[in-house]
């Protein structure tokens, strides 16, 4: 049973949170499209920065949720610390 999603946005990220209604570990996905950057190296860098920010949050995540982080175009110009701060919000 899934519940309605909650969507949170800021300048560089969109976070979609869906409660699954079970007790399994949280599932996390990242989407960094070509709109962020046409260069794969830059997209992969943004993905790594997001993954690092989420890694710091793992102990606080509740089980039974799906988190989907979608980067928007400004994320390509963010620093590592800016990405981590956006994820922490």
Protein backbone atom coordinates (compact mmCIF):
# COMPACT_ATOMS: atom_id res chain seq x y z
CA UNK A 1 0.00 0.00 0.00
CA UNK A 2 1.51 3.32 -1.04
CA UNK A 3 0.51 6.70 0.25
CA UNK A 4 0.38 9.96 -1.66
CA UNK A 5 3.81 11.46 -2.34
CA UNK A 6 5.17 14.56 -0.71
CA UNK A 7 7.28 16.79 -2.95
CA UNK A 8 9.88 19.24 -1.69
CA UNK A 9 11.71 21.63 -4.02
CA UNK A 10 14.49 24.12 -3.86
CA UNK A 11 16.63 25.73 -6.53
CA UNK A 12 18.79 22.69 -7.29
CA UNK A 13 16.82 19.66 -6.09
CA UNK A 14 13.41 18.07 -6.09
CA UNK A 15 12.75 15.44 -3.43
CA UNK A 16 9.79 13.11 -3.71
CA UNK A 17 8.96 11.12 -0.58
CA UNK A 18 6.51 8.21 -0.64
CA UNK A 19 5.62 6.11 2.39
CA UNK A 20 5.28 2.46 1.43
CA UNK A 21 3.59 1.29 4.60
CA UNK A 22 6.05 -1.51 5.37
CA UNK A 23 9.03 -1.88 7.69
CA UNK A 24 11.75 -2.53 5.12
CA UNK A 25 14.73 -0.21 4.81
CA UNK A 26 14.36 3.12 3.03
CA UNK A 27 14.96 3.07 -0.72
CA UNK A 28 16.79 5.98 -2.30
CA UNK A 29 17.19 6.90 -5.97
CA UNK A 30 18.90 9.74 -7.80
CA UNK A 31 18.05 11.27 -11.16
CA UNK A 32 20.42 13.66 -12.90
CA UNK A 33 19.28 14.26 -16.46
CA UNK A 34 21.02 15.77 -19.45
CA UNK A 35 19.24 19.02 -18.68
CA UNK A 36 21.60 19.39 -15.74
CA UNK A 37 24.64 18.99 -17.98
CA UNK A 38 25.28 17.41 -21.38
CA UNK A 39 28.53 15.99 -20.00
CA UNK A 40 28.38 12.63 -18.23
CA UNK A 41 31.32 13.49 -15.99
CA UNK A 42 29.46 16.48 -14.54
CA UNK A 43 26.24 14.49 -14.09
CA UNK A 44 28.13 11.72 -12.32
CA UNK A 45 29.81 14.27 -10.06
CA UNK A 46 26.43 15.70 -9.05
CA UNK A 47 25.17 12.16 -8.36
CA UNK A 48 28.20 11.39 -6.17
CA UNK A 49 27.70 14.61 -4.21
CA UNK A 50 24.04 13.81 -3.64
CA UNK A 51 24.87 10.26 -2.60
CA UNK A 52 27.42 11.56 -0.09
CA UNK A 53 24.87 13.96 1.38
CA UNK A 54 22.32 11.16 1.78
CA UNK A 55 24.93 8.83 3.30
CA UNK A 56 25.20 11.24 6.22
CA UNK A 57 21.43 11.11 6.72
CA UNK A 58 21.03 7.32 6.64
CA UNK A 59 20.91 6.81 10.42
CA UNK A 60 17.99 9.28 10.65
CA UNK A 61 15.87 7.84 7.81
CA UNK A 62 12.70 6.02 8.74
CA UNK A 63 12.07 2.56 7.31
CA UNK A 64 9.30 2.11 4.76
CA UNK A 65 9.91 5.22 2.66
CA UNK A 66 11.06 5.83 -0.90
CA UNK A 67 13.15 8.94 -1.57
CA UNK A 68 13.79 10.18 -5.09
CA UNK A 69 16.23 13.04 -5.54
CA UNK A 70 16.03 14.80 -8.92
CA UNK A 71 18.68 17.38 -9.72
CA UNK A 72 17.79 20.49 -11.68
CA UNK A 73 20.09 22.57 -13.89
CA UNK A 74 21.57 24.79 -11.12
CA UNK A 75 22.91 21.68 -9.36
CA UNK A 76 25.73 21.47 -11.91
CA UNK A 77 27.11 24.74 -10.55
CA UNK A 78 26.79 23.86 -6.87
CA UNK A 79 29.76 22.86 -4.76
CA UNK A 80 29.96 19.66 -2.79
CA UNK A 81 29.01 21.45 0.42
CA UNK A 82 26.03 23.18 -1.19
CA UNK A 83 24.69 19.84 -2.47
CA UNK A 84 25.12 18.23 0.94
CA UNK A 85 23.38 21.16 2.62
CA UNK A 86 20.44 20.93 0.21
CA UNK A 87 20.06 17.22 0.88
CA UNK A 88 20.11 17.79 4.65
CA UNK A 89 17.17 20.19 4.50
